[in-house]
Amino acid sequence: MSSPKTALTGIVLAGGGSTRMGRDKASLPWGREDLLHAVLRALIPACARLIVVSNTPRDIAVPEVAVVADIFQGCGPLGGLHAGLAATVTEYSFVAACDMPFVNGAAVSYMASAAAGFDAAVPFVDGFFHPLHAVYHRRCLASVERALLAGQRRVSDFYPGLALRRISRAELSRFDPELLMLNSLNRPQDLPAKL
């Protein structure tokens, strides 16, 4: 039986317009590197392969990371999810946005295990899904494509009809009591004063 790492691809979405931030979020400084690399490095313990979805060229300092562009241009994160799933060769992939630097590798591995037998494993906290911190089976690709062709743009638009494993607050809080892993940095005021 394969471990989650050998069966899991990490997909990082880095193609957004960053309109609320006012500049490219992926290249924002974070520690000694940038947000994109912080997310990639957090995924290394849990993922055997890494993919970055970006419509702009990226200098990736992590070895053997594939960079792919959206197939459906201008469709936001749902288009990014489609491109990532189209490029993966593993059954399951963990998908995160590039502005989520608190991703927790142990939680990712747990979610990958919890996804077994389901189409997706998605955090459901305080009545809301967190679709950009979730595990998706490659068979979701067809549903994502149908949603895009129907003009839908929210990632959760393709959830109806899926065998969905909801990941609870209690499950995630064992790895991160404050659930920082679900936080995204969307605006300048979301950034720490000192990095």
C-alpha atoms as a PDB file:
ATOM      1  CA  MET A   1       0.000   0.000   0.000  1.00  0.00           C
ATOM      2  CA  SER A   2       1.441   3.373  -0.946  1.00  0.00           C
ATOM      3  CA  SER A   3       1.955   6.121   1.592  1.00  0.00           C
ATOM      4  CA  PRO A   4       0.190   9.478   1.111  1.00  0.00           C
ATOM      5  CA  LYS A   5       3.452  11.006  -0.090  1.00  0.00           C
ATOM      6  CA  THR A   6       3.945   8.512  -2.912  1.00  0.00           C
ATOM      7  CA  ALA A   7       0.297   8.900  -3.967  1.00  0.00           C
ATOM      8  CA  LEU A   8      -0.102  12.668  -3.698  1.00  0.00           C
ATOM      9  CA  THR A   9       0.696  15.626  -5.949  1.00  0.00           C
ATOM     10  CA  GLY A  10       0.772  19.143  -4.546  1.00  0.00           C
ATOM     11  CA  ILE A  11      -0.790  21.760  -6.818  1.00  0.00           C
ATOM     12  CA  VAL A  12      -0.156  25.417  -5.992  1.00  0.00           C
ATOM     13  CA  LEU A  13      -2.277  28.020  -7.762  1.00  0.00           C
ATOM     14  CA  ALA A  14      -0.161  31.081  -8.561  1.00  0.00           C
ATOM     15  CA  GLY A  15      -1.936  32.598 -11.533  1.00  0.00           C
ATOM     16  CA  GLY A  16      -4.344  35.020  -9.893  1.00  0.00           C
ATOM     17  CA  GLY A  17      -4.566  38.710 -10.658  1.00  0.00           C
ATOM     18  CA  SER A  18      -3.782  39.692  -7.035  1.00  0.00           C
ATOM     19  CA  THR A  19      -6.071  42.703  -7.450  1.00  0.00           C
ATOM     20  CA  ARG A  20      -6.755  43.129  -3.729  1.00  0.00           C
ATOM     21  CA  MET A  21      -3.057  42.853  -2.863  1.00  0.00           C
ATOM     22  CA  GLY A  22      -2.034  45.253  -5.622  1.00  0.00           C
ATOM     23  CA  ARG A  23       0.950  43.155  -6.700  1.00  0.00           C
ATOM     24  CA  ASP A  24       1.836  39.554  -7.507  1.00  0.00           C
ATOM     25  CA  LYS A  25       1.221  37.603  -4.300  1.00  0.00           C
ATOM     26  CA  ALA A  26       3.395  34.647  -5.265  1.00  0.00           C
ATOM     27  CA  SER A  27       6.533  36.810  -5.261  1.00  0.00           C
ATOM     28  CA  LEU A  28       5.824  38.666  -1.996  1.00  0.00           C
ATOM     29  CA  PRO A  29       8.683  38.253   0.494  1.00  0.00           C
ATOM     30  CA  TRP A  30       8.105  35.614   3.158  1.00  0.00           C
ATOM     31  CA  GLY A  31      11.004  34.885   5.491  1.00  0.00           C
ATOM     32  CA  ARG A  32      14.072  34.299   3.350  1.00  0.00           C
ATOM     33  CA  GLU A  33      12.096  33.595   0.202  1.00  0.00           C
ATOM     34  CA  ASP A  34       8.639  34.351  -1.193  1.00  0.00           C
ATOM     35  CA  LEU A  35       5.105  33.166  -0.559  1.00  0.00           C
ATOM     36  CA  LEU A  36       5.128  30.682  -3.425  1.00  0.00           C
ATOM     37  CA  HIS A  37       8.284  28.969  -2.190  1.00  0.00           C
ATOM     38  CA  ALA A  38       7.001  28.924   1.395  1.00  0.00           C
ATOM     39  CA  VAL A  39       3.951  26.972   0.243  1.00  0.00           C
ATOM     40  CA  LEU A  40       6.001  24.637  -1.965  1.00  0.00           C
ATOM     41  CA  ARG A  41       8.439  23.831   0.841  1.00  0.00           C
ATOM     42  CA  ALA A  42       5.576  23.167   3.253  1.00  0.00           C
ATOM     43  CA  LEU A  43       4.189  20.596   0.801  1.00  0.00           C
ATOM     44  CA  ILE A  44       7.449  18.704   0.215  1.00  0.00           C
ATOM     45  CA  PRO A  45       7.028  16.353   3.226  1.00  0.00           C
ATOM     46  CA  ALA A  46       3.558  15.306   2.070  1.00  0.00           C
ATOM     47  CA  CYS A  47       3.793  15.328  -1.721  1.00  0.00           C
ATOM     48  CA  ALA A  48       5.833  13.241  -4.124  1.00  0.00           C
ATOM     49  CA  ARG A  49       5.360  15.724  -6.965  1.00  0.00           C
ATOM     50  CA  LEU A  50       4.679  19.451  -7.126  1.00  0.00           C
ATOM     51  CA  ILE A  51       2.912  21.501  -9.795  1.00  0.00           C
ATOM     52  CA  VAL A  52       2.589  25.276  -9.970  1.00  0.00           C
ATOM     53  CA  VAL A  53      -0.248  26.674 -12.070  1.00  0.00           C
ATOM     54  CA  SER A  54       0.803  30.091 -13.356  1.00  0.00           C
ATOM     55  CA  ASN A  55       0.204  32.127 -16.483  1.00  0.00           C
ATOM     56  CA  THR A  56       3.423  34.080 -15.977  1.00  0.00           C
ATOM     57  CA  PRO A  57       6.951  32.631 -16.030  1.00  0.00           C
ATOM     58  CA  ARG A  58       8.227  31.619 -12.588  1.00  0.00           C
ATOM     59  CA  ASP A  59      11.765  31.001 -11.352  1.00  0.00           C
ATOM     60  CA  ILE A  60      11.289  27.999  -9.097  1.00  0.00           C
ATOM     61  CA  ALA A  61      14.140  27.197  -6.714  1.00  0.00           C
ATOM     62  CA  VAL A  62      12.627  23.873  -5.640  1.00  0.00           C
ATOM     63  CA  PRO A  63      13.850  20.985  -7.834  1.00  0.00           C
ATOM     64  CA  GLU A  64      11.543  19.179 -10.251  1.00  0.00           C
ATOM     65  CA  VAL A  65       8.511  21.428  -9.951  1.00  0.00           C
ATOM     66  CA  ALA A  66       6.349  21.465 -13.078  1.00  0.00           C
ATOM     67  CA  VAL A  67       4.878  24.821 -14.095  1.00  0.00           C
ATOM     68  CA  VAL A  68       1.714  24.720 -16.193  1.00  0.00           C
ATOM     69  CA  ALA A  69      -0.592  27.443 -17.533  1.00  0.00           C
ATOM     70  CA  ASP A  70      -4.368  27.615 -17.435  1.00  0.00           C
ATOM     71  CA  ILE A  71      -6.145  25.814 -20.245  1.00  0.00           C
ATOM     72  CA  PHE A  72      -9.286  27.867 -19.563  1.00  0.00           C
ATOM     73  CA  GLN A  73      -7.860  31.386 -19.382  1.00  0.00           C
ATOM     74  CA  GLY A  74      -9.384  34.031 -17.140  1.00  0.00           C
ATOM     75  CA  CYS A  75     -11.488  31.600 -15.108  1.00  0.00           C
ATOM     76  CA  GLY A  76      -9.890  32.164 -11.713  1.00  0.00           C
ATOM     77  CA  PRO A  77      -9.082  29.392  -9.243  1.00  0.00           C
ATOM     78  CA  LEU A  78     -11.480  26.937 -10.886  1.00  0.00           C
ATOM     79  CA  GLY A  79      -9.477  27.265 -14.112  1.00  0.00           C
ATOM     80  CA  GLY A  80      -6.288  26.773 -12.103  1.00  0.00           C
ATOM     81  CA  LEU A  81      -7.677  23.642 -10.468  1.00  0.00           C
ATOM     82  CA  HIS A  82      -8.561  22.322 -13.924  1.00  0.00           C
ATOM     83  CA  ALA A  83      -5.039  22.935 -15.249  1.00  0.00           C
ATOM     84  CA  GLY A  84      -3.457  21.303 -12.214  1.00  0.00           C
ATOM     85  CA  LEU A  85      -5.640  18.205 -12.333  1.00  0.00           C
ATOM     86  CA  ALA A  86      -5.047  17.911 -16.086  1.00  0.00           C
ATOM     87  CA  ALA A  87      -1.286  17.857 -15.439  1.00  0.00           C
ATOM     88  CA  THR A  88      -1.181  15.402 -12.561  1.00  0.00           C
ATOM     89  CA  VAL A  89      -0.491  11.695 -12.898  1.00  0.00           C
ATOM     90  CA  THR A  90      -1.461  10.692  -9.353  1.00  0.00           C
ATOM     91  CA  GLU A  91      -4.971   9.762  -8.282  1.00  0.00           C
ATOM     92  CA  TYR A  92      -5.114  12.438  -5.596  1.00  0.00           C
ATOM     93  CA  SER A  93      -3.777  15.983  -5.437  1.00  0.00           C
ATOM     94  CA  PHE A  94      -3.712  18.534  -2.662  1.00  0.00           C
ATOM     95  CA  VAL A  95      -4.559  22.003  -3.962  1.00  0.00           C
ATOM     96  CA  ALA A  96      -3.545  25.242  -2.247  1.00  0.00           C
ATOM     97  CA  ALA A  97      -3.343  28.887  -3.192  1.00  0.00           C
ATOM     98  CA  CYS A  98       0.090  30.517  -3.266  1.00  0.00           C
ATOM     99  CA  ASP A  99      -1.002  32.974  -0.564  1.00  0.00           C
ATOM    100  CA  MET A 100      -1.456  30.282   2.119  1.00  0.00           C
ATOM    101  CA  PRO A 101       1.993  30.120   3.775  1.00  0.00           C
ATOM    102  CA  PHE A 102       0.793  28.285   6.884  1.00  0.00           C
ATOM    103  CA  VAL A 103       0.063  25.033   5.047  1.00  0.00           C
ATOM    104  CA  ASN A 104       0.830  22.130   7.379  1.00  0.00           C
ATOM    105  CA  GLY A 105       2.401  19.048   5.804  1.00  0.00           C
ATOM    106  CA  ALA A 106       1.088  16.674   8.481  1.00  0.00           C
ATOM    107  CA  ALA A 107      -2.455  17.975   7.993  1.00  0.00           C
ATOM    108  CA  VAL A 108      -2.085  17.561   4.224  1.00  0.00           C
ATOM    109  CA  SER A 109      -1.045  13.921   4.693  1.00  0.00           C
ATOM    110  CA  TYR A 110      -3.994  13.358   7.021  1.00  0.00           C
ATOM    111  CA  MET A 111      -6.413  14.855   4.504  1.00  0.00           C
ATOM    112  CA  ALA A 112      -4.968  12.681   1.747  1.00  0.00           C
ATOM    113  CA  SER A 113      -5.606   9.578   3.863  1.00  0.00           C
ATOM    114  CA  ALA A 114      -9.117  10.788   4.691  1.00  0.00           C
ATOM    115  CA  ALA A 115      -9.856  11.274   0.986  1.00  0.00           C
ATOM    116  CA  ALA A 116      -9.480   7.565   0.207  1.00  0.00           C
ATOM    117  CA  GLY A 117     -12.663   6.348  -1.468  1.00  0.00           C
ATOM    118  CA  PHE A 118     -13.992   9.881  -1.983  1.00  0.00           C
ATOM    119  CA  ASP A 119     -13.840  12.345  -4.863  1.00  0.00           C
ATOM    120  CA  ALA A 120     -12.558  15.099  -2.587  1.00  0.00           C
ATOM    121  CA  ALA A 121     -11.698  15.916   1.015  1.00  0.00           C
ATOM    122  CA  VAL A 122     -12.445  19.547   1.841  1.00  0.00           C
ATOM    123  CA  PRO A 123     -12.316  21.431   5.154  1.00  0.00           C
ATOM    124  CA  PHE A 124     -15.796  22.501   6.249  1.00  0.00           C
ATOM    125  CA  VAL A 125     -15.434  24.956   9.118  1.00  0.00           C
ATOM    126  CA  ASP A 126     -18.064  27.289  10.593  1.00  0.00           C
ATOM    127  CA  GLY A 127     -20.450  26.527   7.765  1.00  0.00           C
ATOM    128  CA  PHE A 128     -17.978  27.214   4.948  1.00  0.00           C
ATOM    129  CA  PHE A 129     -15.940  25.060   2.594  1.00  0.00           C
ATOM    130  CA  HIS A 130     -12.245  25.842   2.072  1.00  0.00           C
ATOM    131  CA  PRO A 131     -11.830  24.583  -1.507  1.00  0.00           C
ATOM    132  CA  LEU A 132      -8.294  25.946  -1.959  1.00  0.00           C
ATOM    133  CA  HIS A 133      -6.958  23.824   0.892  1.00  0.00           C
ATOM    134  CA  ALA A 134      -8.350  20.512  -0.251  1.00  0.00           C
ATOM    135  CA  VAL A 135      -7.611  17.104  -1.743  1.00  0.00           C
ATOM    136  CA  TYR A 136      -9.173  16.195  -5.096  1.00  0.00           C
ATOM    137  CA  HIS A 137      -9.229  12.941  -7.040  1.00  0.00           C
ATOM    138  CA  ARG A 138      -8.175  13.200 -10.670  1.00  0.00           C
ATOM    139  CA  ARG A 139     -11.646  12.040 -11.727  1.00  0.00           C
ATOM    140  CA  CYS A 140     -12.911  15.498 -10.594  1.00  0.00           C
ATOM    141  CA  LEU A 141     -11.349  16.887 -13.764  1.00  0.00           C
ATOM    142  CA  ALA A 142     -14.426  16.096 -15.873  1.00  0.00           C
ATOM    143  CA  SER A 143     -16.764  17.776 -13.359  1.00  0.00           C
ATOM    144  CA  VAL A 144     -14.520  20.844 -13.174  1.00  0.00           C
ATOM    145  CA  GLU A 145     -14.468  21.091 -16.967  1.00  0.00           C
ATOM    146  CA  ARG A 146     -18.254  20.832 -17.161  1.00  0.00           C
ATOM    147  CA  ALA A 147     -18.581  23.628 -14.592  1.00  0.00           C
ATOM    148  CA  LEU A 148     -16.200  25.846 -16.555  1.00  0.00           C
ATOM    149  CA  LEU A 149     -18.014  25.205 -19.827  1.00  0.00           C
ATOM    150  CA  ALA A 150     -21.276  26.122 -18.071  1.00  0.00           C
ATOM    151  CA  GLY A 151     -19.772  29.478 -17.085  1.00  0.00           C
ATOM    152  CA  GLN A 152     -19.344  28.658 -13.414  1.00  0.00           C
ATOM    153  CA  ARG A 153     -16.334  30.174 -11.667  1.00  0.00           C
ATOM    154  CA  ARG A 154     -16.396  29.330  -7.957  1.00  0.00           C
ATOM    155  CA  VAL A 155     -14.411  26.232  -7.058  1.00  0.00           C
ATOM    156  CA  SER A 156     -17.296  24.815  -5.027  1.00  0.00           C
ATOM    157  CA  ASP A 157     -19.621  25.113  -8.061  1.00  0.00           C
ATOM    158  CA  PHE A 158     -18.688  21.590  -9.127  1.00  0.00           C
ATOM    159  CA  TYR A 159     -19.261  19.986  -5.698  1.00  0.00           C
ATOM    160  CA  PRO A 160     -22.876  18.849  -6.240  1.00  0.00           C
ATOM    161  CA  GLY A 161     -22.819  15.174  -7.123  1.00  0.00           C
ATOM    162  CA  LEU A 162     -19.347  14.532  -5.683  1.00  0.00           C
ATOM    163  CA  ALA A 163     -18.610  11.977  -3.003  1.00  0.00           C
ATOM    164  CA  LEU A 164     -17.297  14.626  -0.625  1.00  0.00           C
ATOM    165  CA  ARG A 165     -15.451  14.012   2.627  1.00  0.00           C
ATOM    166  CA  ARG A 166     -15.918  17.028   4.873  1.00  0.00           C
ATOM    167  CA  ILE A 167     -12.899  17.646   7.093  1.00  0.00           C
ATOM    168  CA  SER A 168     -13.961  19.155  10.403  1.00  0.00           C
ATOM    169  CA  ARG A 169     -12.403  21.831  12.589  1.00  0.00           C
ATOM    170  CA  ALA A 170     -11.683  19.163  15.228  1.00  0.00           C
ATOM    171  CA  GLU A 171      -9.736  17.069  12.739  1.00  0.00           C
ATOM    172  CA  LEU A 172      -7.564  19.972  11.559  1.00  0.00           C
ATOM    173  CA  SER A 173      -7.055  21.594  14.959  1.00  0.00           C
ATOM    174  CA  ARG A 174      -4.949  18.605  16.050  1.00  0.00           C
ATOM    175  CA  PHE A 175      -2.309  19.883  13.630  1.00  0.00           C
ATOM    176  CA  ASP A 176      -2.915  23.623  13.943  1.00  0.00           C
ATOM    177  CA  PRO A 177      -5.125  24.728  16.880  1.00  0.00           C
ATOM    178  CA  GLU A 178      -5.734  28.197  15.403  1.00  0.00           C
ATOM    179  CA  LEU A 179      -6.328  26.822  11.882  1.00  0.00           C
ATOM    180  CA  LEU A 180      -3.841  29.272  10.417  1.00  0.00           C
ATOM    181  CA  MET A 181      -3.409  26.774   7.587  1.00  0.00           C
ATOM    182  CA  LEU A 182      -6.742  27.954   6.166  1.00  0.00           C
ATOM    183  CA  ASN A 183      -5.744  31.630   6.129  1.00  0.00           C
ATOM    184  CA  SER A 184      -4.968  33.364   2.862  1.00  0.00           C
ATOM    185  CA  LEU A 185      -3.163  36.678   2.532  1.00  0.00           C
ATOM    186  CA  ASN A 186      -5.368  38.730   0.237  1.00  0.00           C
ATOM    187  CA  ARG A 187      -4.663  42.362   1.135  1.00  0.00           C
ATOM    188  CA  PRO A 188      -1.600  44.350   2.269  1.00  0.00           C
ATOM    189  CA  GLN A 189      -3.026  44.549   5.795  1.00  0.00           C
ATOM    190  CA  ASP A 190      -3.029  40.739   5.986  1.00  0.00           C
ATOM    191  CA  LEU A 191       0.764  40.677   5.812  1.00  0.00           C
ATOM    192  CA  PRO A 192       2.738  40.590   9.066  1.00  0.00           C
ATOM    193  CA  ALA A 193       4.505  43.857   9.930  1.00  0.00           C
ATOM    194  CA  LYS A 194       7.845  42.026   9.946  1.00  0.00           C
ATOM    195  CA  LEU A 195       8.688  39.153   7.648  1.00  0.00           C
END
